[in-house]
């Protein structure tokens, strides 16, 4: 997965079933973090034998698991739930420090 840059965020969301009391869930994940973790999980999946011991074939599918589940590598995105402050930090950056983000 490609890192799109410091001003790009992925926002996976959990949509509750109709009639559910549960709220929508949003996970605000910086592009660099997403790219690193999704790539690591995919590489681990490729290097792990399939159900019948066969090699996995590379493909364009990449996955991110919403809590309570974790990715193939164990990455847990729960720390990014409702982290809208990460986007606000980038939006509020001055031009002189924006490149440091």
C-alpha atoms as a PDB file:
ATOM      1  CA  UNK A   1       0.000   0.000   0.000  1.00  0.00           C
ATOM      2  CA  UNK A   2       1.307   3.435  -0.914  1.00  0.00           C
ATOM      3  CA  UNK A   3       1.857   6.235   1.593  1.00  0.00           C
ATOM      4  CA  UNK A   4      -0.071   9.139   0.067  1.00  0.00           C
ATOM      5  CA  UNK A   5       1.526  11.779   2.297  1.00  0.00           C
ATOM      6  CA  UNK A   6       1.186  13.581   5.631  1.00  0.00           C
ATOM      7  CA  UNK A   7      -2.045  15.356   4.740  1.00  0.00           C
ATOM      8  CA  UNK A   8      -3.919  12.193   3.713  1.00  0.00           C
ATOM      9  CA  UNK A   9      -5.880  10.125   6.238  1.00  0.00           C
ATOM     10  CA  UNK A  10      -7.774   6.874   5.862  1.00  0.00           C
ATOM     11  CA  UNK A  11     -11.120   6.815   7.681  1.00  0.00           C
ATOM     12  CA  UNK A  12     -12.472   3.270   7.915  1.00  0.00           C
ATOM     13  CA  UNK A  13     -15.874   3.172   9.532  1.00  0.00           C
ATOM     14  CA  UNK A  14     -18.073   0.706  11.316  1.00  0.00           C
ATOM     15  CA  UNK A  15     -21.724   0.998  10.345  1.00  0.00           C
ATOM     16  CA  UNK A  16     -24.146  -0.514  12.876  1.00  0.00           C
ATOM     17  CA  UNK A  17     -26.959  -2.797  11.834  1.00  0.00           C
ATOM     18  CA  UNK A  18     -30.313  -1.127  11.203  1.00  0.00           C
ATOM     19  CA  UNK A  19     -32.196  -0.707  14.472  1.00  0.00           C
ATOM     20  CA  UNK A  20     -29.026  -1.071  16.519  1.00  0.00           C
ATOM     21  CA  UNK A  21     -28.303   1.221  19.456  1.00  0.00           C
ATOM     22  CA  UNK A  22     -24.606   1.170  18.589  1.00  0.00           C
ATOM     23  CA  UNK A  23     -23.085   4.367  17.174  1.00  0.00           C
ATOM     24  CA  UNK A  24     -21.119   4.662  13.963  1.00  0.00           C
ATOM     25  CA  UNK A  25     -17.390   4.085  14.531  1.00  0.00           C
ATOM     26  CA  UNK A  26     -14.676   6.037  12.723  1.00  0.00           C
ATOM     27  CA  UNK A  27     -10.943   5.360  12.797  1.00  0.00           C
ATOM     28  CA  UNK A  28      -8.743   8.258  11.662  1.00  0.00           C
ATOM     29  CA  UNK A  29      -5.470   6.719  10.457  1.00  0.00           C
ATOM     30  CA  UNK A  30      -2.542   8.654   8.955  1.00  0.00           C
ATOM     31  CA  UNK A  31      -1.546   7.436   5.488  1.00  0.00           C
ATOM     32  CA  UNK A  32       1.993   6.518   6.573  1.00  0.00           C
ATOM     33  CA  UNK A  33       0.708   4.367   9.449  1.00  0.00           C
ATOM     34  CA  UNK A  34      -1.883   2.656   7.268  1.00  0.00           C
ATOM     35  CA  UNK A  35       0.595   1.968   4.456  1.00  0.00           C
ATOM     36  CA  UNK A  36       3.196   0.514   6.830  1.00  0.00           C
ATOM     37  CA  UNK A  37       0.818  -1.765   8.716  1.00  0.00           C
ATOM     38  CA  UNK A  38      -1.226  -2.972   5.754  1.00  0.00           C
ATOM     39  CA  UNK A  39       1.960  -3.724   3.782  1.00  0.00           C
ATOM     40  CA  UNK A  40       3.476  -5.619   6.718  1.00  0.00           C
ATOM     41  CA  UNK A  41       0.313  -7.685   7.192  1.00  0.00           C
ATOM     42  CA  UNK A  42       0.159  -8.504   3.478  1.00  0.00           C
ATOM     43  CA  UNK A  43       3.815  -9.573   3.391  1.00  0.00           C
ATOM     44  CA  UNK A  44       3.237 -11.781   6.432  1.00  0.00           C
ATOM     45  CA  UNK A  45       0.163 -13.309   4.778  1.00  0.00           C
ATOM     46  CA  UNK A  46       2.161 -13.997   1.595  1.00  0.00           C
ATOM     47  CA  UNK A  47       4.899 -15.749   3.567  1.00  0.00           C
ATOM     48  CA  UNK A  48       2.436 -17.916   5.538  1.00  0.00           C
ATOM     49  CA  UNK A  49       1.169 -21.154   3.964  1.00  0.00           C
ATOM     50  CA  UNK A  50      -2.531 -21.412   3.127  1.00  0.00           C
ATOM     51  CA  UNK A  51      -5.006 -23.843   4.708  1.00  0.00           C
ATOM     52  CA  UNK A  52      -3.640 -26.790   2.758  1.00  0.00           C
ATOM     53  CA  UNK A  53       0.003 -25.748   2.965  1.00  0.00           C
ATOM     54  CA  UNK A  54       0.015 -24.025  -0.424  1.00  0.00           C
ATOM     55  CA  UNK A  55       1.695 -20.691  -1.043  1.00  0.00           C
ATOM     56  CA  UNK A  56      -0.603 -17.695  -1.133  1.00  0.00           C
ATOM     57  CA  UNK A  57      -0.755 -15.976  -4.510  1.00  0.00           C
ATOM     58  CA  UNK A  58      -0.122 -12.235  -4.519  1.00  0.00           C
ATOM     59  CA  UNK A  59      -3.106 -10.082  -5.436  1.00  0.00           C
ATOM     60  CA  UNK A  60      -4.355  -6.516  -5.073  1.00  0.00           C
ATOM     61  CA  UNK A  61      -6.614  -7.202  -2.067  1.00  0.00           C
ATOM     62  CA  UNK A  62      -5.587  -5.559   1.213  1.00  0.00           C
ATOM     63  CA  UNK A  63      -7.541  -5.721   4.465  1.00  0.00           C
ATOM     64  CA  UNK A  64      -7.975  -3.664   7.612  1.00  0.00           C
ATOM     65  CA  UNK A  65      -9.915  -5.208  10.469  1.00  0.00           C
ATOM     66  CA  UNK A  66     -12.195  -3.148  12.690  1.00  0.00           C
ATOM     67  CA  UNK A  67     -12.112  -3.799  16.451  1.00  0.00           C
ATOM     68  CA  UNK A  68     -12.477  -6.114  18.176  1.00  0.00           C
ATOM     69  CA  UNK A  69     -10.588  -7.877  15.366  1.00  0.00           C
ATOM     70  CA  UNK A  70      -6.917  -7.373  14.511  1.00  0.00           C
ATOM     71  CA  UNK A  71      -5.056  -7.648  11.234  1.00  0.00           C
ATOM     72  CA  UNK A  72      -3.106 -10.728  10.179  1.00  0.00           C
ATOM     73  CA  UNK A  73      -0.002  -9.136  11.732  1.00  0.00           C
ATOM     74  CA  UNK A  74      -1.794  -8.273  14.985  1.00  0.00           C
ATOM     75  CA  UNK A  75      -2.252  -4.576  14.215  1.00  0.00           C
ATOM     76  CA  UNK A  76      -5.129  -3.130  16.234  1.00  0.00           C
ATOM     77  CA  UNK A  77      -6.593   0.154  14.948  1.00  0.00           C
ATOM     78  CA  UNK A  78      -8.640   0.834  18.095  1.00  0.00           C
ATOM     79  CA  UNK A  79      -6.224   3.584  19.198  1.00  0.00           C
ATOM     80  CA  UNK A  80      -7.353   5.614  16.169  1.00  0.00           C
ATOM     81  CA  UNK A  81     -11.065   5.612  17.048  1.00  0.00           C
ATOM     82  CA  UNK A  82     -12.465   9.144  16.770  1.00  0.00           C
ATOM     83  CA  UNK A  83      -8.983  10.658  16.460  1.00  0.00           C
ATOM     84  CA  UNK A  84     -10.258  13.665  14.511  1.00  0.00           C
ATOM     85  CA  UNK A  85      -7.579  15.676  16.330  1.00  0.00           C
ATOM     86  CA  UNK A  86      -4.980  14.163  13.979  1.00  0.00           C
ATOM     87  CA  UNK A  87      -6.646  15.882  11.024  1.00  0.00           C
ATOM     88  CA  UNK A  88      -7.130  19.107  12.993  1.00  0.00           C
ATOM     89  CA  UNK A  89      -3.407  19.130  13.789  1.00  0.00           C
ATOM     90  CA  UNK A  90      -2.561  19.040  10.083  1.00  0.00           C
ATOM     91  CA  UNK A  91      -5.196  21.652   9.225  1.00  0.00           C
ATOM     92  CA  UNK A  92      -3.882  23.981  11.920  1.00  0.00           C
ATOM     93  CA  UNK A  93      -0.227  23.586  10.933  1.00  0.00           C
ATOM     94  CA  UNK A  94       1.497  26.742   9.825  1.00  0.00           C
ATOM     95  CA  UNK A  95       3.183  26.708   6.416  1.00  0.00           C
ATOM     96  CA  UNK A  96       6.582  26.757   8.150  1.00  0.00           C
ATOM     97  CA  UNK A  97       6.010  23.465   9.997  1.00  0.00           C
ATOM     98  CA  UNK A  98       3.576  21.721   7.615  1.00  0.00           C
ATOM     99  CA  UNK A  99       6.428  19.807   5.971  1.00  0.00           C
ATOM    100  CA  UNK A 100       7.361  18.297   9.334  1.00  0.00           C
ATOM    101  CA  UNK A 101       3.970  16.568   9.714  1.00  0.00           C
END
